[in-house]
């Protein structure tokens, strides 16, 4: 299952989806954004997009408040996952359904 958000610049959305789909399919992306994409975004939206197709990994140790920021992000992510799990229907125990499934 893939989920997306909204409210971002067209450049950011395209890069995130591209990176996600590339990761799922095992495709290695080039470092640079295609010049055609950069021209399209400038002409269509009036924005200059990043020349880098992918971002560098975040170095947590260079952030103020490390390691607490990392812990807060992990906790918030786990809370989000737990909330999403609570919205899913439970998978039925098929063995308890056997009497109803027999003809």
PDB file of N, CA and C in Angstrom:
ATOM      1  N   UNK A   1       0.845  -1.154   0.000  1.00  0.00           N
ATOM      2  CA  UNK A   1       0.000   0.000   0.000  1.00  0.00           C
ATOM      3  C   UNK A   1       0.898   1.228   0.000  1.00  0.00           C
ATOM      4  N   UNK A   2       0.599   2.177  -0.867  1.00  0.00           N
ATOM      5  CA  UNK A   2       1.322   3.437  -0.909  1.00  0.00           C
ATOM      6  C   UNK A   2       0.364   4.552  -0.548  1.00  0.00           C
ATOM      7  N   UNK A   3       0.799   5.442   0.327  1.00  0.00           N
ATOM      8  CA  UNK A   3      -0.018   6.580   0.723  1.00  0.00           C
ATOM      9  C   UNK A   3       0.736   7.851   0.402  1.00  0.00           C
ATOM     10  N   UNK A   4       0.025   8.868   0.004  1.00  0.00           N
ATOM     11  CA  UNK A   4       0.644  10.154  -0.295  1.00  0.00           C
ATOM     12  C   UNK A   4      -0.057  11.249   0.457  1.00  0.00           C
ATOM     13  N   UNK A   5       0.564  12.391   0.457  1.00  0.00           N
ATOM     14  CA  UNK A   5      -0.020  13.539   1.119  1.00  0.00           C
ATOM     15  C   UNK A   5      -0.324  14.631   0.120  1.00  0.00           C
ATOM     16  N   UNK A   6      -0.476  15.807   0.593  1.00  0.00           N
ATOM     17  CA  UNK A   6      -0.770  16.923  -0.302  1.00  0.00           C
ATOM     18  C   UNK A   6      -0.205  18.210   0.260  1.00  0.00           C
ATOM     19  N   UNK A   7      -0.340  19.259  -0.519  1.00  0.00           N
ATOM     20  CA  UNK A   7       0.099  20.572  -0.059  1.00  0.00           C
ATOM     21  C   UNK A   7       1.560  20.848  -0.300  1.00  0.00           C
ATOM     22  N   UNK A   8       2.182  20.069  -1.140  1.00  0.00           N
ATOM     23  CA  UNK A   8       3.596  20.246  -1.399  1.00  0.00           C
ATOM     24  C   UNK A   8       3.786  20.835  -2.791  1.00  0.00           C
ATOM     25  N   UNK A   9       4.993  21.249  -3.092  1.00  0.00           N
ATOM     26  CA  UNK A   9       5.275  21.763  -4.426  1.00  0.00           C
ATOM     27  C   UNK A   9       5.283  20.607  -5.417  1.00  0.00           C
ATOM     28  N   UNK A  10       4.943  20.873  -6.675  1.00  0.00           N
ATOM     29  CA  UNK A  10       4.965  19.788  -7.669  1.00  0.00           C
ATOM     30  C   UNK A  10       6.320  19.092  -7.739  1.00  0.00           C
ATOM     31  N   UNK A  11       7.378  19.856  -7.548  1.00  0.00           N
ATOM     32  CA  UNK A  11       8.725  19.275  -7.568  1.00  0.00           C
ATOM     33  C   UNK A  11       8.885  18.244  -6.461  1.00  0.00           C
ATOM     34  N   UNK A  12       8.484  18.600  -5.258  1.00  0.00           N
ATOM     35  CA  UNK A  12       8.647  17.692  -4.119  1.00  0.00           C
ATOM     36  C   UNK A  12       7.808  16.433  -4.284  1.00  0.00           C
ATOM     37  N   UNK A  13       6.561  16.596  -4.706  1.00  0.00           N
ATOM     38  CA  UNK A  13       5.679  15.445  -4.883  1.00  0.00           C
ATOM     39  C   UNK A  13       6.257  14.483  -5.912  1.00  0.00           C
ATOM     40  N   UNK A  14       6.689  15.025  -7.034  1.00  0.00           N
ATOM     41  CA  UNK A  14       7.241  14.167  -8.098  1.00  0.00           C
ATOM     42  C   UNK A  14       8.498  13.440  -7.628  1.00  0.00           C
ATOM     43  N   UNK A  15       9.366  14.136  -6.914  1.00  0.00           N
ATOM     44  CA  UNK A  15      10.601  13.495  -6.456  1.00  0.00           C
ATOM     45  C   UNK A  15      10.314  12.405  -5.426  1.00  0.00           C
ATOM     46  N   UNK A  16       9.374  12.653  -4.514  1.00  0.00           N
ATOM     47  CA  UNK A  16       9.061  11.662  -3.477  1.00  0.00           C
ATOM     48  C   UNK A  16       8.443  10.409  -4.096  1.00  0.00           C
ATOM     49  N   UNK A  17       7.468  10.591  -5.003  1.00  0.00           N
ATOM     50  CA  UNK A  17       6.849   9.431  -5.640  1.00  0.00           C
ATOM     51  C   UNK A  17       7.847   8.686  -6.508  1.00  0.00           C
ATOM     52  N   UNK A  18       8.678   9.418  -7.221  1.00  0.00           N
ATOM     53  CA  UNK A  18       9.682   8.781  -8.067  1.00  0.00           C
ATOM     54  C   UNK A  18      10.650   7.953  -7.218  1.00  0.00           C
ATOM     55  N   UNK A  19      11.121   8.530  -6.124  1.00  0.00           N
ATOM     56  CA  UNK A  19      12.049   7.815  -5.250  1.00  0.00           C
ATOM     57  C   UNK A  19      11.365   6.593  -4.619  1.00  0.00           C
ATOM     58  N   UNK A  20      10.101   6.738  -4.221  1.00  0.00           N
ATOM     59  CA  UNK A  20       9.369   5.619  -3.621  1.00  0.00           C
ATOM     60  C   UNK A  20       9.190   4.476  -4.618  1.00  0.00           C
ATOM     61  N   UNK A  21       8.721   4.809  -5.803  1.00  0.00           N
ATOM     62  CA  UNK A  21       8.503   3.776  -6.811  1.00  0.00           C
ATOM     63  C   UNK A  21       9.819   3.141  -7.270  1.00  0.00           C
ATOM     64  N   UNK A  22      10.868   3.941  -7.354  1.00  0.00           N
ATOM     65  CA  UNK A  22      12.174   3.390  -7.728  1.00  0.00           C
ATOM     66  C   UNK A  22      12.653   2.409  -6.662  1.00  0.00           C
ATOM     67  N   UNK A  23      12.458   2.769  -5.384  1.00  0.00           N
ATOM     68  CA  UNK A  23      12.863   1.873  -4.307  1.00  0.00           C
ATOM     69  C   UNK A  23      12.100   0.569  -4.312  1.00  0.00           C
ATOM     70  N   UNK A  24      10.802   0.644  -4.581  1.00  0.00           N
ATOM     71  CA  UNK A  24       9.971  -0.558  -4.611  1.00  0.00           C
ATOM     72  C   UNK A  24      10.362  -1.469  -5.766  1.00  0.00           C
ATOM     73  N   UNK A  25      10.668  -0.876  -6.909  1.00  0.00           N
ATOM     74  CA  UNK A  25      10.976  -1.675  -8.099  1.00  0.00           C
ATOM     75  C   UNK A  25      12.451  -1.994  -8.255  1.00  0.00           C
ATOM     76  N   UNK A  26      13.302  -1.424  -7.384  1.00  0.00           N
ATOM     77  CA  UNK A  26      14.731  -1.706  -7.449  1.00  0.00           C
ATOM     78  C   UNK A  26      15.481  -0.917  -8.510  1.00  0.00           C
ATOM     79  N   UNK A  27      14.875   0.149  -9.007  1.00  0.00           N
ATOM     80  CA  UNK A  27      15.539   0.981 -10.017  1.00  0.00           C
ATOM     81  C   UNK A  27      16.442   1.997  -9.324  1.00  0.00           C
ATOM     82  N   UNK A  28      17.652   2.150  -9.833  1.00  0.00           N
ATOM     83  CA  UNK A  28      18.578   3.148  -9.303  1.00  0.00           C
ATOM     84  C   UNK A  28      18.378   4.451 -10.071  1.00  0.00           C
ATOM     85  N   UNK A  29      18.140   5.522  -9.340  1.00  0.00           N
ATOM     86  CA  UNK A  29      17.901   6.816  -9.965  1.00  0.00           C
ATOM     87  C   UNK A  29      19.208   7.555 -10.213  1.00  0.00           C
ATOM     88  N   UNK A  30      19.249   8.364 -11.276  1.00  0.00           N
ATOM     89  CA  UNK A  30      20.421   9.209 -11.479  1.00  0.00           C
ATOM     90  C   UNK A  30      20.451  10.312 -10.416  1.00  0.00           C
ATOM     91  N   UNK A  31      21.589  10.930 -10.224  1.00  0.00           N
ATOM     92  CA  UNK A  31      21.719  11.972  -9.210  1.00  0.00           C
ATOM     93  C   UNK A  31      21.023  13.265  -9.624  1.00  0.00           C
ATOM     94  N   UNK A  32      21.075  13.596 -10.908  1.00  0.00           N
ATOM     95  CA  UNK A  32      20.570  14.882 -11.379  1.00  0.00           C
ATOM     96  C   UNK A  32      19.157  14.794 -11.922  1.00  0.00           C
ATOM     97  N   UNK A  33      18.389  15.873 -11.715  1.00  0.00           N
ATOM     98  CA  UNK A  33      17.058  15.985 -12.309  1.00  0.00           C
ATOM     99  C   UNK A  33      17.189  16.160 -13.814  1.00  0.00           C
ATOM    100  N   UNK A  34      16.292  15.555 -14.590  1.00  0.00           N
ATOM    101  CA  UNK A  34      16.337  15.748 -16.045  1.00  0.00           C
ATOM    102  C   UNK A  34      16.089  17.216 -16.391  1.00  0.00           C
ATOM    103  N   UNK A  35      16.828  17.736 -17.348  1.00  0.00           N
ATOM    104  CA  UNK A  35      16.676  19.143 -17.734  1.00  0.00           C
ATOM    105  C   UNK A  35      15.269  19.420 -18.260  1.00  0.00           C
ATOM    106  N   UNK A  36      14.647  18.419 -18.925  1.00  0.00           N
ATOM    107  CA  UNK A  36      13.281  18.601 -19.418  1.00  0.00           C
ATOM    108  C   UNK A  36      12.308  18.842 -18.265  1.00  0.00           C
ATOM    109  N   UNK A  37      12.503  18.129 -17.157  1.00  0.00           N
ATOM    110  CA  UNK A  37      11.653  18.305 -15.973  1.00  0.00           C
ATOM    111  C   UNK A  37      11.867  19.686 -15.370  1.00  0.00           C
ATOM    112  N   UNK A  38      13.093  20.091 -15.286  1.00  0.00           N
ATOM    113  CA  UNK A  38      13.394  21.401 -14.720  1.00  0.00           C
ATOM    114  C   UNK A  38      12.776  22.510 -15.574  1.00  0.00           C
ATOM    115  N   UNK A  39      12.867  22.385 -16.894  1.00  0.00           N
ATOM    116  CA  UNK A  39      12.269  23.373 -17.809  1.00  0.00           C
ATOM    117  C   UNK A  39      10.747  23.378 -17.686  1.00  0.00           C
ATOM    118  N   UNK A  40      10.140  22.183 -17.607  1.00  0.00           N
ATOM    119  CA  UNK A  40       8.692  22.065 -17.490  1.00  0.00           C
ATOM    120  C   UNK A  40       8.189  22.780 -16.239  1.00  0.00           C
ATOM    121  N   UNK A  41       8.819  22.532 -15.094  1.00  0.00           N
ATOM    122  CA  UNK A  41       8.386  23.149 -13.834  1.00  0.00           C
ATOM    123  C   UNK A  41       8.547  24.667 -13.874  1.00  0.00           C
ATOM    124  N   UNK A  42       9.603  25.131 -14.512  1.00  0.00           N
ATOM    125  CA  UNK A  42       9.818  26.573 -14.614  1.00  0.00           C
ATOM    126  C   UNK A  42       8.746  27.215 -15.487  1.00  0.00           C
ATOM    127  N   UNK A  43       8.441  26.582 -16.624  1.00  0.00           N
ATOM    128  CA  UNK A  43       7.454  27.147 -17.546  1.00  0.00           C
ATOM    129  C   UNK A  43       6.022  26.988 -17.014  1.00  0.00           C
ATOM    130  N   UNK A  44       5.686  25.824 -16.491  1.00  0.00           N
ATOM    131  CA  UNK A  44       4.312  25.532 -16.065  1.00  0.00           C
ATOM    132  C   UNK A  44       3.967  26.184 -14.729  1.00  0.00           C
ATOM    133  N   UNK A  45       4.882  26.110 -13.755  1.00  0.00           N
ATOM    134  CA  UNK A  45       4.588  26.556 -12.398  1.00  0.00           C
ATOM    135  C   UNK A  45       5.395  27.773 -11.959  1.00  0.00           C
ATOM    136  N   UNK A  46       6.372  28.145 -12.769  1.00  0.00           N
ATOM    137  CA  UNK A  46       7.207  29.292 -12.408  1.00  0.00           C
ATOM    138  C   UNK A  46       8.141  29.022 -11.242  1.00  0.00           C
ATOM    139  N   UNK A  47       8.485  27.755 -11.045  1.00  0.00           N
ATOM    140  CA  UNK A  47       9.392  27.421  -9.941  1.00  0.00           C
ATOM    141  C   UNK A  47      10.659  26.784 -10.489  1.00  0.00           C
ATOM    142  N   UNK A  48      11.740  27.061  -9.819  1.00  0.00           N
ATOM    143  CA  UNK A  48      13.013  26.420 -10.152  1.00  0.00           C
ATOM    144  C   UNK A  48      13.150  25.208  -9.247  1.00  0.00           C
ATOM    145  N   UNK A  49      13.244  24.048  -9.857  1.00  0.00           N
ATOM    146  CA  UNK A  49      13.315  22.819  -9.072  1.00  0.00           C
ATOM    147  C   UNK A  49      14.762  22.483  -8.731  1.00  0.00           C
ATOM    148  N   UNK A  50      14.893  21.607  -7.773  1.00  0.00           N
ATOM    149  CA  UNK A  50      16.220  21.176  -7.337  1.00  0.00           C
ATOM    150  C   UNK A  50      16.948  20.469  -8.478  1.00  0.00           C
ATOM    151  N   UNK A  51      18.203  20.807  -8.689  1.00  0.00           N
ATOM    152  CA  UNK A  51      18.964  20.076  -9.710  1.00  0.00           C
ATOM    153  C   UNK A  51      19.279  18.649  -9.276  1.00  0.00           C
ATOM    154  N   UNK A  52      19.106  18.360  -7.981  1.00  0.00           N
ATOM    155  CA  UNK A  52      19.350  17.011  -7.464  1.00  0.00           C
ATOM    156  C   UNK A  52      18.037  16.244  -7.429  1.00  0.00           C
ATOM    157  N   UNK A  53      18.016  15.085  -8.035  1.00  0.00           N
ATOM    158  CA  UNK A  53      16.809  14.271  -8.066  1.00  0.00           C
ATOM    159  C   UNK A  53      16.516  13.670  -6.697  1.00  0.00           C
ATOM    160  N   UNK A  54      17.548  13.296  -5.978  1.00  0.00           N
ATOM    161  CA  UNK A  54      17.378  12.735  -4.639  1.00  0.00           C
ATOM    162  C   UNK A  54      18.171  13.576  -3.649  1.00  0.00           C
ATOM    163  N   UNK A  55      17.707  13.578  -2.409  1.00  0.00           N
ATOM    164  CA  UNK A  55      18.385  14.314  -1.347  1.00  0.00           C
ATOM    165  C   UNK A  55      19.403  13.424  -0.656  1.00  0.00           C
ATOM    166  N   UNK A  56      20.334  14.055   0.000  1.00  0.00           N
ATOM    167  CA  UNK A  56      21.303  13.317   0.797  1.00  0.00           C
ATOM    168  C   UNK A  56      20.628  12.862   2.089  1.00  0.00           C
ATOM    169  N   UNK A  57      21.018  11.699   2.624  1.00  0.00           N
ATOM    170  CA  UNK A  57      20.434  11.261   3.898  1.00  0.00           C
ATOM    171  C   UNK A  57      20.709  12.293   4.995  1.00  0.00           C
ATOM    172  N   UNK A  58      19.749  12.430   5.898  1.00  0.00           N
ATOM    173  CA  UNK A  58      19.853  13.380   6.996  1.00  0.00           C
ATOM    174  C   UNK A  58      20.850  12.866   8.039  1.00  0.00           C
ATOM    175  N   UNK A  59      21.762  13.734   8.462  1.00  0.00           N
ATOM    176  CA  UNK A  59      22.707  13.383   9.519  1.00  0.00           C
ATOM    177  C   UNK A  59      22.149  13.915  10.833  1.00  0.00           C
ATOM    178  N   UNK A  60      21.538  13.028  11.615  1.00  0.00           N
ATOM    179  CA  UNK A  60      20.879  13.421  12.857  1.00  0.00           C
ATOM    180  C   UNK A  60      21.818  14.135  13.813  1.00  0.00           C
ATOM    181  N   UNK A  61      23.078  13.751  13.815  1.00  0.00           N
ATOM    182  CA  UNK A  61      24.014  14.288  14.797  1.00  0.00           C
ATOM    183  C   UNK A  61      24.331  15.765  14.567  1.00  0.00           C
ATOM    184  N   UNK A  62      24.007  16.282  13.378  1.00  0.00           N
ATOM    185  CA  UNK A  62      24.251  17.694  13.087  1.00  0.00           C
ATOM    186  C   UNK A  62      23.077  18.582  13.492  1.00  0.00           C
ATOM    187  N   UNK A  63      21.978  17.971  13.936  1.00  0.00           N
ATOM    188  CA  UNK A  63      20.801  18.734  14.348  1.00  0.00           C
ATOM    189  C   UNK A  63      20.888  19.099  15.814  1.00  0.00           C
ATOM    190  N   UNK A  64      20.379  20.278  16.156  1.00  0.00           N
ATOM    191  CA  UNK A  64      20.287  20.661  17.570  1.00  0.00           C
ATOM    192  C   UNK A  64      19.255  19.769  18.233  1.00  0.00           C
ATOM    193  N   UNK A  65      19.559  19.276  19.415  1.00  0.00           N
ATOM    194  CA  UNK A  65      18.625  18.437  20.142  1.00  0.00           C
ATOM    195  C   UNK A  65      18.790  16.955  19.884  1.00  0.00           C
ATOM    196  N   UNK A  66      19.767  16.569  19.051  1.00  0.00           N
ATOM    197  CA  UNK A  66      20.016  15.143  18.837  1.00  0.00           C
ATOM    198  C   UNK A  66      20.447  14.550  20.159  1.00  0.00           C
ATOM    199  N   UNK A  67      20.041  13.391  20.609  1.00  0.00           N
ATOM    200  CA  UNK A  67      19.231  12.373  19.929  1.00  0.00           C
ATOM    201  C   UNK A  67      17.739  12.507  20.191  1.00  0.00           C
ATOM    202  N   UNK A  68      17.316  13.563  20.918  1.00  0.00           N
ATOM    203  CA  UNK A  68      15.914  13.665  21.310  1.00  0.00           C
ATOM    204  C   UNK A  68      14.988  13.838  20.108  1.00  0.00           C
ATOM    205  N   UNK A  69      15.441  14.563  19.095  1.00  0.00           N
ATOM    206  CA  UNK A  69      14.612  14.756  17.903  1.00  0.00           C
ATOM    207  C   UNK A  69      14.335  13.408  17.247  1.00  0.00           C
ATOM    208  N   UNK A  70      15.363  12.591  17.120  1.00  0.00           N
ATOM    209  CA  UNK A  70      15.204  11.278  16.497  1.00  0.00           C
ATOM    210  C   UNK A  70      14.207  10.430  17.279  1.00  0.00           C
ATOM    211  N   UNK A  71      14.308  10.459  18.603  1.00  0.00           N
ATOM    212  CA  UNK A  71      13.394   9.683  19.438  1.00  0.00           C
ATOM    213  C   UNK A  71      11.959  10.169  19.276  1.00  0.00           C
ATOM    214  N   UNK A  72      11.765  11.492  19.186  1.00  0.00           N
ATOM    215  CA  UNK A  72      10.422  12.048  19.018  1.00  0.00           C
ATOM    216  C   UNK A  72       9.832  11.647  17.662  1.00  0.00           C
ATOM    217  N   UNK A  73      10.653  11.647  16.637  1.00  0.00           N
ATOM    218  CA  UNK A  73      10.180  11.266  15.309  1.00  0.00           C
ATOM    219  C   UNK A  73       9.797   9.786  15.298  1.00  0.00           C
ATOM    220  N   UNK A  74      10.611   8.951  15.918  1.00  0.00           N
ATOM    221  CA  UNK A  74      10.302   7.520  15.979  1.00  0.00           C
ATOM    222  C   UNK A  74       9.004   7.308  16.757  1.00  0.00           C
ATOM    223  N   UNK A  75       8.826   7.997  17.869  1.00  0.00           N
ATOM    224  CA  UNK A  75       7.606   7.861  18.666  1.00  0.00           C
ATOM    225  C   UNK A  75       6.376   8.336  17.883  1.00  0.00           C
ATOM    226  N   UNK A  76       6.486   9.482  17.207  1.00  0.00           N
ATOM    227  CA  UNK A  76       5.362  10.003  16.418  1.00  0.00           C
ATOM    228  C   UNK A  76       5.023   9.063  15.272  1.00  0.00           C
ATOM    229  N   UNK A  77       6.042   8.489  14.656  1.00  0.00           N
ATOM    230  CA  UNK A  77       5.806   7.536  13.564  1.00  0.00           C
ATOM    231  C   UNK A  77       5.091   6.304  14.087  1.00  0.00           C
ATOM    232  N   UNK A  78       5.520   5.789  15.232  1.00  0.00           N
ATOM    233  CA  UNK A  78       4.875   4.608  15.807  1.00  0.00           C
ATOM    234  C   UNK A  78       3.433   4.903  16.186  1.00  0.00           C
ATOM    235  N   UNK A  79       3.156   6.098  16.704  1.00  0.00           N
ATOM    236  CA  UNK A  79       1.785   6.477  17.032  1.00  0.00           C
ATOM    237  C   UNK A  79       0.917   6.517  15.774  1.00  0.00           C
ATOM    238  N   UNK A  80       1.468   7.036  14.695  1.00  0.00           N
ATOM    239  CA  UNK A  80       0.730   7.085  13.428  1.00  0.00           C
ATOM    240  C   UNK A  80       0.437   5.684  12.912  1.00  0.00           C
ATOM    241  N   UNK A  81       1.428   4.803  12.988  1.00  0.00           N
ATOM    242  CA  UNK A  81       1.234   3.418  12.548  1.00  0.00           C
ATOM    243  C   UNK A  81       0.158   2.739  13.388  1.00  0.00           C
ATOM    244  N   UNK A  82       0.211   2.928  14.697  1.00  0.00           N
ATOM    245  CA  UNK A  82      -0.788   2.317  15.575  1.00  0.00           C
ATOM    246  C   UNK A  82      -2.185   2.844  15.271  1.00  0.00           C
ATOM    247  N   UNK A  83      -2.300   4.138  14.992  1.00  0.00           N
ATOM    248  CA  UNK A  83      -3.596   4.712  14.655  1.00  0.00           C
ATOM    249  C   UNK A  83      -4.133   4.106  13.359  1.00  0.00           C
ATOM    250  N   UNK A  84      -3.273   4.006  12.342  1.00  0.00           N
ATOM    251  CA  UNK A  84      -3.707   3.414  11.069  1.00  0.00           C
ATOM    252  C   UNK A  84      -4.128   1.962  11.252  1.00  0.00           C
ATOM    253  N   UNK A  85      -3.392   1.227  12.075  1.00  0.00           N
ATOM    254  CA  UNK A  85      -3.753  -0.164  12.343  1.00  0.00           C
ATOM    255  C   UNK A  85      -5.131  -0.252  13.008  1.00  0.00           C
ATOM    256  N   UNK A  86      -5.433   0.724  13.874  1.00  0.00           N
ATOM    257  CA  UNK A  86      -6.730   0.697  14.565  1.00  0.00           C
ATOM    258  C   UNK A  86      -7.888   0.925  13.598  1.00  0.00           C
ATOM    259  N   UNK A  87      -7.625   1.526  12.452  1.00  0.00           N
ATOM    260  CA  UNK A  87      -8.677   1.791  11.471  1.00  0.00           C
ATOM    261  C   UNK A  87      -8.944   0.601  10.553  1.00  0.00           C
ATOM    262  N   UNK A  88      -8.009  -0.344  10.508  1.00  0.00           N
ATOM    263  CA  UNK A  88      -8.156  -1.502   9.637  1.00  0.00           C
ATOM    264  C   UNK A  88      -9.084  -2.523  10.274  1.00  0.00           C
ATOM    265  N   UNK A  89      -9.849  -3.193   9.444  1.00  0.00           N
ATOM    266  CA  UNK A  89     -10.709  -4.259   9.941  1.00  0.00           C
ATOM    267  C   UNK A  89      -9.835  -5.438  10.358  1.00  0.00           C
ATOM    268  N   UNK A  90     -10.190  -6.092  11.423  1.00  0.00           N
ATOM    269  CA  UNK A  90      -9.401  -7.271  11.801  1.00  0.00           C
ATOM    270  C   UNK A  90      -9.606  -8.396  10.789  1.00  0.00           C
ATOM    271  N   UNK A  91      -8.562  -9.147  10.575  1.00  0.00           N
ATOM    272  CA  UNK A  91      -8.638 -10.300   9.683  1.00  0.00           C
ATOM    273  C   UNK A  91      -9.370 -11.402  10.433  1.00  0.00           C
ATOM    274  N   UNK A  92     -10.410 -11.985   9.821  1.00  0.00           N
ATOM    275  CA  UNK A  92     -11.173 -13.014  10.550  1.00  0.00           C
ATOM    276  C   UNK A  92     -10.346 -14.272  10.792  1.00  0.00           C
ATOM    277  N   UNK A  93     -10.661 -14.936  11.862  1.00  0.00           N
ATOM    278  CA  UNK A  93     -10.067 -16.236  12.161  1.00  0.00           C
ATOM    279  C   UNK A  93     -10.849 -17.257  11.344  1.00  0.00           C
ATOM    280  N   UNK A  94     -10.279 -17.714  10.236  1.00  0.00           N
ATOM    281  CA  UNK A  94     -10.996 -18.569   9.299  1.00  0.00           C
ATOM    282  C   UNK A  94     -11.400 -19.905   9.913  1.00  0.00           C
ATOM    283  N   UNK A  95     -10.658 -20.383  10.895  1.00  0.00           N
ATOM    284  CA  UNK A  95     -11.027 -21.672  11.505  1.00  0.00           C
ATOM    285  C   UNK A  95     -12.373 -21.543  12.214  1.00  0.00           C
ATOM    286  N   UNK A  96     -12.634 -20.415  12.836  1.00  0.00           N
ATOM    287  CA  UNK A  96     -13.920 -20.240  13.527  1.00  0.00           C
ATOM    288  C   UNK A  96     -15.058 -20.083  12.526  1.00  0.00           C
ATOM    289  N   UNK A  97     -14.750 -19.795  11.254  1.00  0.00           N
ATOM    290  CA  UNK A  97     -15.763 -19.629  10.218  1.00  0.00           C
ATOM    291  C   UNK A  97     -16.068 -20.935   9.477  1.00  0.00           C
ATOM    292  N   UNK A  98     -15.278 -21.979   9.715  1.00  0.00           N
ATOM    293  CA  UNK A  98     -15.423 -23.236   8.965  1.00  0.00           C
ATOM    294  C   UNK A  98     -16.844 -23.788   8.962  1.00  0.00           C
ATOM    295  N   UNK A  99     -17.561 -23.798  10.092  1.00  0.00           N
ATOM    296  CA  UNK A  99     -18.931 -24.349  10.054  1.00  0.00           C
ATOM    297  C   UNK A  99     -19.839 -23.609   9.073  1.00  0.00           C
ATOM    298  N   UNK A 100     -19.601 -22.338   8.893  1.00  0.00           N
ATOM    299  CA  UNK A 100     -20.437 -21.546   7.985  1.00  0.00           C
ATOM    300  C   UNK A 100     -20.025 -21.694   6.541  1.00  0.00           C
ATOM    301  N   UNK A 101     -18.772 -22.119   6.316  1.00  0.00           N
ATOM    302  CA  UNK A 101     -18.256 -22.230   4.967  1.00  0.00           C
ATOM    303  C   UNK A 101     -18.541 -23.580   4.332  1.00  0.00           C
ATOM    304  N   UNK A 102     -18.882 -24.573   5.146  1.00  0.00           N
ATOM    305  CA  UNK A 102     -19.147 -25.896   4.606  1.00  0.00           C
ATOM    306  C   UNK A 102     -20.540 -25.922   3.989  1.00  0.00           C
ATOM    307  N   UNK A 103     -20.628 -26.601   2.861  1.00  0.00           N
ATOM    308  CA  UNK A 103     -21.922 -26.650   2.163  1.00  0.00           C
ATOM    309  C   UNK A 103     -22.834 -27.704   2.729  1.00  0.00           C
TER     310      UNK A 103
END
